[in-house]
Amino acid sequence: MSKRRFAARAAFLGSALAFITIVAARAATSSIQDAPSGMTPARVADTEKAEQMVVVTTIPPGYRDWKFVSAAHEADDLNDIRVVIGNDKAINAYRAGKPFPEGSIVGRVAWRMVPSQENNKIFGKEQSFVPGEAPEWYLQFMEKNSKKYASTGGWGYSNFGKDLKPTTDKKTMYSCFTCHQAVQTRDYIFTKYSP
């Protein structure tokens, strides 16, 4: 295929993808409630189910000493750097490729992504980014307890803002579960282990 023809086809596919993304985003926003920045809002139809949710309001002790699972950069409005961590039970399951046992906790710590003036001065261009201030979705945890969190797939969900206060609104927290249902076959966990 010629370069010109390839470029034309790529431009067409890019335009089609952009159109589909805009249509999907408009459809999604027309059926959801407002939620705090950084969190996906719950669907209106899930209000009754949300009332059955048990919201986790305690930060697990010692989480900053847990082992590394993976890291990511979320762009757009979030614009954060995040690290996923796990307690020993979660890490052992990740490494063995087995289901998460009761008592597993997977955590996520996020910071605003900012350019490093010091590093960029050395590099001579803006290419280095580092963690900045904590956002309102600073800490999030999923705790496995199949009996306690039966209404949300066996996982309890939590969100702690930069002030370390928990989000306690059930509808907002239920949105965590509705989002994680997309990966139900992986025990509701999005993040894969990065060895």
C-alpha atoms as a PDB file:
ATOM      1  CA  MET A   1       0.000   0.000   0.000  1.00  0.00           C
ATOM      2  CA  SER A   2       1.386   3.448  -0.895  1.00  0.00           C
ATOM      3  CA  LYS A   3       2.257   5.937   1.841  1.00  0.00           C
ATOM      4  CA  ARG A   4      -0.418   8.356   0.582  1.00  0.00           C
ATOM      5  CA  ARG A   5      -3.098   5.665   0.573  1.00  0.00           C
ATOM      6  CA  PHE A   6      -2.000   4.444   4.020  1.00  0.00           C
ATOM      7  CA  ALA A   7      -2.144   8.004   5.411  1.00  0.00           C
ATOM      8  CA  ALA A   8      -5.635   8.526   3.936  1.00  0.00           C
ATOM      9  CA  ARG A   9      -6.884   5.262   5.425  1.00  0.00           C
ATOM     10  CA  ALA A  10      -5.341   6.104   8.816  1.00  0.00           C
ATOM     11  CA  ALA A  11      -6.978   9.556   8.760  1.00  0.00           C
ATOM     12  CA  PHE A  12     -10.368   8.011   7.937  1.00  0.00           C
ATOM     13  CA  LEU A  13     -10.087   5.410  10.718  1.00  0.00           C
ATOM     14  CA  GLY A  14      -8.964   8.090  13.163  1.00  0.00           C
ATOM     15  CA  SER A  15     -11.986  10.258  12.298  1.00  0.00           C
ATOM     16  CA  ALA A  16     -14.347   7.294  12.620  1.00  0.00           C
ATOM     17  CA  LEU A  17     -12.896   6.371  16.007  1.00  0.00           C
ATOM     18  CA  ALA A  18     -13.198   9.974  17.232  1.00  0.00           C
ATOM     19  CA  PHE A  19     -16.864  10.073  16.132  1.00  0.00           C
ATOM     20  CA  ILE A  20     -17.658   6.783  17.886  1.00  0.00           C
ATOM     21  CA  THR A  21     -15.925   8.002  21.050  1.00  0.00           C
ATOM     22  CA  ILE A  22     -17.926  11.254  21.077  1.00  0.00           C
ATOM     23  CA  VAL A  23     -21.238   9.429  20.515  1.00  0.00           C
ATOM     24  CA  ALA A  24     -20.449   6.904  23.258  1.00  0.00           C
ATOM     25  CA  ALA A  25     -19.421   9.657  25.683  1.00  0.00           C
ATOM     26  CA  ARG A  26     -22.631  11.603  25.033  1.00  0.00           C
ATOM     27  CA  ALA A  27     -24.742   8.489  25.525  1.00  0.00           C
ATOM     28  CA  ALA A  28     -22.979   7.667  28.772  1.00  0.00           C
ATOM     29  CA  THR A  29     -23.306  11.161  30.229  1.00  0.00           C
ATOM     30  CA  SER A  30     -27.006  11.301  29.461  1.00  0.00           C
ATOM     31  CA  SER A  31     -27.739   8.418  31.836  1.00  0.00           C
ATOM     32  CA  ILE A  32     -25.490   9.092  34.819  1.00  0.00           C
ATOM     33  CA  GLN A  33     -25.479  11.240  37.930  1.00  0.00           C
ATOM     34  CA  ASP A  34     -22.818  13.749  38.938  1.00  0.00           C
ATOM     35  CA  ALA A  35     -19.951  12.431  41.051  1.00  0.00           C
ATOM     36  CA  PRO A  36     -16.821  13.882  42.638  1.00  0.00           C
ATOM     37  CA  SER A  37     -14.025  14.597  40.179  1.00  0.00           C
ATOM     38  CA  GLY A  38     -11.924  11.550  39.384  1.00  0.00           C
ATOM     39  CA  MET A  39     -14.672   9.044  40.016  1.00  0.00           C
ATOM     40  CA  THR A  40     -17.107   7.517  37.567  1.00  0.00           C
ATOM     41  CA  PRO A  41     -20.713   8.292  38.548  1.00  0.00           C
ATOM     42  CA  ALA A  42     -23.223   5.526  39.236  1.00  0.00           C
ATOM     43  CA  ARG A  43     -26.101   4.855  36.872  1.00  0.00           C
ATOM     44  CA  VAL A  44     -29.454   6.166  38.074  1.00  0.00           C
ATOM     45  CA  ALA A  45     -31.031   2.706  37.737  1.00  0.00           C
ATOM     46  CA  ASP A  46     -28.588   1.307  40.303  1.00  0.00           C
ATOM     47  CA  THR A  47     -29.836   3.490  43.186  1.00  0.00           C
ATOM     48  CA  GLU A  48     -31.636   0.641  44.972  1.00  0.00           C
ATOM     49  CA  LYS A  49     -28.650  -1.702  44.639  1.00  0.00           C
ATOM     50  CA  ALA A  50     -26.338   1.047  45.867  1.00  0.00           C
ATOM     51  CA  GLU A  51     -28.224   1.163  49.160  1.00  0.00           C
ATOM     52  CA  GLN A  52     -27.137  -2.455  49.845  1.00  0.00           C
ATOM     53  CA  MET A  53     -23.474  -1.532  49.500  1.00  0.00           C
ATOM     54  CA  VAL A  54     -21.124  -1.592  52.473  1.00  0.00           C
ATOM     55  CA  VAL A  55     -18.699   1.331  52.085  1.00  0.00           C
ATOM     56  CA  VAL A  56     -15.153   0.828  53.398  1.00  0.00           C
ATOM     57  CA  THR A  57     -14.198   3.834  55.543  1.00  0.00           C
ATOM     58  CA  THR A  58     -10.899   2.742  57.106  1.00  0.00           C
ATOM     59  CA  ILE A  59      -7.467   3.025  55.480  1.00  0.00           C
ATOM     60  CA  PRO A  60      -5.634  -0.309  55.831  1.00  0.00           C
ATOM     61  CA  PRO A  61      -2.697   0.091  58.221  1.00  0.00           C
ATOM     62  CA  GLY A  62       0.778  -0.210  56.703  1.00  0.00           C
ATOM     63  CA  TYR A  63      -0.365   0.135  53.089  1.00  0.00           C
ATOM     64  CA  ARG A  64       2.697   2.228  52.150  1.00  0.00           C
ATOM     65  CA  ASP A  65       4.853  -0.841  52.848  1.00  0.00           C
ATOM     66  CA  TRP A  66       2.882  -3.103  50.501  1.00  0.00           C
ATOM     67  CA  LYS A  67       4.414  -4.509  47.338  1.00  0.00           C
ATOM     68  CA  PHE A  68       4.217  -3.002  43.870  1.00  0.00           C
ATOM     69  CA  VAL A  69       1.671  -4.401  41.379  1.00  0.00           C
ATOM     70  CA  SER A  70       1.795  -1.875  38.540  1.00  0.00           C
ATOM     71  CA  ALA A  71       1.897   1.823  37.630  1.00  0.00           C
ATOM     72  CA  ALA A  72      -0.059   3.950  35.175  1.00  0.00           C
ATOM     73  CA  HIS A  73      -0.652   7.450  33.885  1.00  0.00           C
ATOM     74  CA  GLU A  74      -4.244   8.570  33.442  1.00  0.00           C
ATOM     75  CA  ALA A  75      -4.577  11.492  31.025  1.00  0.00           C
ATOM     76  CA  ASP A  76      -7.313  14.065  30.345  1.00  0.00           C
ATOM     77  CA  ASP A  77      -9.159  15.465  33.359  1.00  0.00           C
ATOM     78  CA  LEU A  78      -7.478  13.058  35.779  1.00  0.00           C
ATOM     79  CA  ASN A  79      -3.903  13.771  34.628  1.00  0.00           C
ATOM     80  CA  ASP A  80      -2.440  11.646  37.381  1.00  0.00           C
ATOM     81  CA  ILE A  81       0.324   9.178  38.075  1.00  0.00           C
ATOM     82  CA  ARG A  82      -0.874   6.134  39.992  1.00  0.00           C
ATOM     83  CA  VAL A  83       0.715   3.143  41.626  1.00  0.00           C
ATOM     84  CA  VAL A  84      -1.189  -0.052  42.382  1.00  0.00           C
ATOM     85  CA  ILE A  85      -0.092  -1.999  45.438  1.00  0.00           C
ATOM     86  CA  GLY A  86      -1.257  -5.128  47.229  1.00  0.00           C
ATOM     87  CA  ASN A  87      -1.102  -6.744  50.634  1.00  0.00           C
ATOM     88  CA  ASP A  88       0.676 -10.123  50.900  1.00  0.00           C
ATOM     89  CA  LYS A  89      -2.451 -12.153  50.098  1.00  0.00           C
ATOM     90  CA  ALA A  90      -3.129 -10.132  46.938  1.00  0.00           C
ATOM     91  CA  ILE A  91       0.529 -10.215  45.824  1.00  0.00           C
ATOM     92  CA  ASN A  92       0.743 -14.000  46.291  1.00  0.00           C
ATOM     93  CA  ALA A  93      -2.416 -14.444  44.183  1.00  0.00           C
ATOM     94  CA  TYR A  94      -1.104 -12.097  41.489  1.00  0.00           C
ATOM     95  CA  ARG A  95       2.233 -13.923  41.300  1.00  0.00           C
ATOM     96  CA  ALA A  96       0.659 -17.383  41.255  1.00  0.00           C
ATOM     97  CA  GLY A  97      -2.002 -16.370  38.740  1.00  0.00           C
ATOM     98  CA  LYS A  98      -4.688 -17.656  41.107  1.00  0.00           C
ATOM     99  CA  PRO A  99      -7.990 -16.162  42.334  1.00  0.00           C
ATOM    100  CA  PHE A 100      -7.750 -13.572  45.081  1.00  0.00           C
ATOM    101  CA  PRO A 101      -8.385 -15.188  48.484  1.00  0.00           C
ATOM    102  CA  GLU A 102     -10.426 -13.700  51.288  1.00  0.00           C
ATOM    103  CA  GLY A 103      -8.520 -10.870  52.960  1.00  0.00           C
ATOM    104  CA  SER A 104      -6.807  -9.714  49.770  1.00  0.00           C
ATOM    105  CA  ILE A 105      -6.534  -5.934  49.479  1.00  0.00           C
ATOM    106  CA  VAL A 106      -5.517  -4.107  46.320  1.00  0.00           C
ATOM    107  CA  GLY A 107      -4.774  -0.405  46.694  1.00  0.00           C
ATOM    108  CA  ARG A 108      -4.164   2.517  44.389  1.00  0.00           C
ATOM    109  CA  VAL A 109      -2.293   5.716  45.270  1.00  0.00           C
ATOM    110  CA  ALA A 110      -2.587   8.670  42.856  1.00  0.00           C
ATOM    111  CA  TRP A 111      -0.851  12.026  42.495  1.00  0.00           C
ATOM    112  CA  ARG A 112      -1.299  14.855  40.013  1.00  0.00           C
ATOM    113  CA  MET A 113       1.285  14.530  37.247  1.00  0.00           C
ATOM    114  CA  VAL A 114       3.516  17.606  37.029  1.00  0.00           C
ATOM    115  CA  PRO A 115       6.667  18.402  35.030  1.00  0.00           C
ATOM    116  CA  SER A 116       9.951  18.164  36.931  1.00  0.00           C
ATOM    117  CA  GLN A 117      11.635  21.540  36.452  1.00  0.00           C
ATOM    118  CA  GLU A 118      14.882  20.190  37.896  1.00  0.00           C
ATOM    119  CA  ASN A 119      15.046  17.157  35.601  1.00  0.00           C
ATOM    120  CA  ASN A 120      13.863  19.049  32.521  1.00  0.00           C
ATOM    121  CA  LYS A 121      16.551  21.669  33.038  1.00  0.00           C
ATOM    122  CA  ILE A 122      19.158  18.885  32.856  1.00  0.00           C
ATOM    123  CA  PHE A 123      17.512  17.196  29.851  1.00  0.00           C
ATOM    124  CA  GLY A 124      17.068  20.500  28.037  1.00  0.00           C
ATOM    125  CA  LYS A 125      13.431  19.767  27.231  1.00  0.00           C
ATOM    126  CA  GLU A 126      10.162  18.930  28.989  1.00  0.00           C
ATOM    127  CA  GLN A 127      10.178  15.149  29.206  1.00  0.00           C
ATOM    128  CA  SER A 128      10.256  14.329  32.909  1.00  0.00           C
ATOM    129  CA  PHE A 129       7.084  14.183  34.976  1.00  0.00           C
ATOM    130  CA  VAL A 130       6.751  13.448  38.685  1.00  0.00           C
ATOM    131  CA  PRO A 131       4.037  13.148  41.340  1.00  0.00           C
ATOM    132  CA  GLY A 132       2.547  16.470  42.448  1.00  0.00           C
ATOM    133  CA  GLU A 133      -0.204  17.121  44.969  1.00  0.00           C
ATOM    134  CA  ALA A 134      -2.728  14.494  45.983  1.00  0.00           C
ATOM    135  CA  PRO A 135      -6.098  14.679  44.171  1.00  0.00           C
ATOM    136  CA  GLU A 136      -9.518  14.013  45.692  1.00  0.00           C
ATOM    137  CA  TRP A 137      -9.175  10.393  44.565  1.00  0.00           C
ATOM    138  CA  TYR A 138      -5.802  10.020  46.338  1.00  0.00           C
ATOM    139  CA  LEU A 139      -6.289   6.571  47.861  1.00  0.00           C
ATOM    140  CA  GLN A 140      -8.579   3.773  46.763  1.00  0.00           C
ATOM    141  CA  PHE A 141      -8.754   0.216  48.078  1.00  0.00           C
ATOM    142  CA  MET A 142     -10.615  -2.974  47.206  1.00  0.00           C
ATOM    143  CA  GLU A 143     -10.985  -5.458  50.060  1.00  0.00           C
ATOM    144  CA  LYS A 144     -12.015  -9.077  49.422  1.00  0.00           C
ATOM    145  CA  ASN A 145     -14.644 -10.420  51.816  1.00  0.00           C
ATOM    146  CA  SER A 146     -17.271 -12.466  49.992  1.00  0.00           C
ATOM    147  CA  LYS A 147     -19.810 -12.420  52.847  1.00  0.00           C
ATOM    148  CA  LYS A 148     -19.495  -8.800  53.963  1.00  0.00           C
ATOM    149  CA  TYR A 149     -19.437  -7.399  50.404  1.00  0.00           C
ATOM    150  CA  ALA A 150     -21.749  -9.925  48.735  1.00  0.00           C
ATOM    151  CA  SER A 151     -23.788  -7.195  47.012  1.00  0.00           C
ATOM    152  CA  THR A 152     -20.672  -5.937  45.181  1.00  0.00           C
ATOM    153  CA  GLY A 153     -19.072  -9.130  43.902  1.00  0.00           C
ATOM    154  CA  GLY A 154     -17.275  -9.943  47.149  1.00  0.00           C
ATOM    155  CA  TRP A 155     -15.225  -6.728  47.140  1.00  0.00           C
ATOM    156  CA  GLY A 156     -15.560  -3.660  49.350  1.00  0.00           C
ATOM    157  CA  TYR A 157     -14.588  -0.334  47.778  1.00  0.00           C
ATOM    158  CA  SER A 158     -13.142   2.824  49.293  1.00  0.00           C
ATOM    159  CA  ASN A 159     -11.958   6.265  48.258  1.00  0.00           C
ATOM    160  CA  PHE A 160     -10.003   8.687  50.430  1.00  0.00           C
ATOM    161  CA  GLY A 161      -9.376  12.273  49.363  1.00  0.00           C
ATOM    162  CA  LYS A 162      -6.206  14.256  49.888  1.00  0.00           C
ATOM    163  CA  ASP A 163      -7.475  15.059  53.396  1.00  0.00           C
ATOM    164  CA  LEU A 164      -7.651  11.263  53.986  1.00  0.00           C
ATOM    165  CA  LYS A 165     -11.396  11.468  54.680  1.00  0.00           C
ATOM    166  CA  PRO A 166     -13.454   8.651  53.147  1.00  0.00           C
ATOM    167  CA  THR A 167     -16.129   9.094  50.524  1.00  0.00           C
ATOM    168  CA  THR A 168     -19.219   7.713  52.238  1.00  0.00           C
ATOM    169  CA  ASP A 169     -21.950   8.372  49.668  1.00  0.00           C
ATOM    170  CA  LYS A 170     -23.221   4.922  48.674  1.00  0.00           C
ATOM    171  CA  LYS A 171     -24.283   5.921  45.168  1.00  0.00           C
ATOM    172  CA  THR A 172     -20.853   7.345  44.423  1.00  0.00           C
ATOM    173  CA  MET A 173     -19.062   4.315  45.840  1.00  0.00           C
ATOM    174  CA  TYR A 174     -21.401   1.911  44.050  1.00  0.00           C
ATOM    175  CA  SER A 175     -20.098   3.393  40.808  1.00  0.00           C
ATOM    176  CA  CYS A 176     -16.773   1.670  41.590  1.00  0.00           C
ATOM    177  CA  PHE A 177     -18.528  -1.684  41.458  1.00  0.00           C
ATOM    178  CA  THR A 178     -20.489  -0.889  38.299  1.00  0.00           C
ATOM    179  CA  CYS A 179     -17.248   0.050  36.555  1.00  0.00           C
ATOM    180  CA  HIS A 180     -15.373  -3.038  37.790  1.00  0.00           C
ATOM    181  CA  GLN A 181     -18.151  -5.312  36.498  1.00  0.00           C
ATOM    182  CA  ALA A 182     -16.496  -4.949  33.078  1.00  0.00           C
ATOM    183  CA  VAL A 183     -13.725  -7.250  34.378  1.00  0.00           C
ATOM    184  CA  GLN A 184     -15.858  -9.653  36.395  1.00  0.00           C
ATOM    185  CA  THR A 185     -14.077 -12.612  34.768  1.00  0.00           C
ATOM    186  CA  ARG A 186     -10.822 -11.355  36.358  1.00  0.00           C
ATOM    187  CA  ASP A 187     -12.437 -11.144  39.812  1.00  0.00           C
ATOM    188  CA  TYR A 188     -13.305  -7.464  39.238  1.00  0.00           C
ATOM    189  CA  ILE A 189      -9.637  -6.378  39.123  1.00  0.00           C
ATOM    190  CA  PHE A 190      -8.488  -4.187  36.215  1.00  0.00           C
ATOM    191  CA  THR A 191      -4.780  -4.035  37.002  1.00  0.00           C
ATOM    192  CA  LYS A 192      -2.587  -6.860  35.810  1.00  0.00           C
ATOM    193  CA  TYR A 193       0.628  -7.725  37.600  1.00  0.00           C
ATOM    194  CA  SER A 194       3.759  -6.098  36.155  1.00  0.00           C
ATOM    195  CA  PRO A 195       6.674  -8.366  37.100  1.00  0.00           C
END
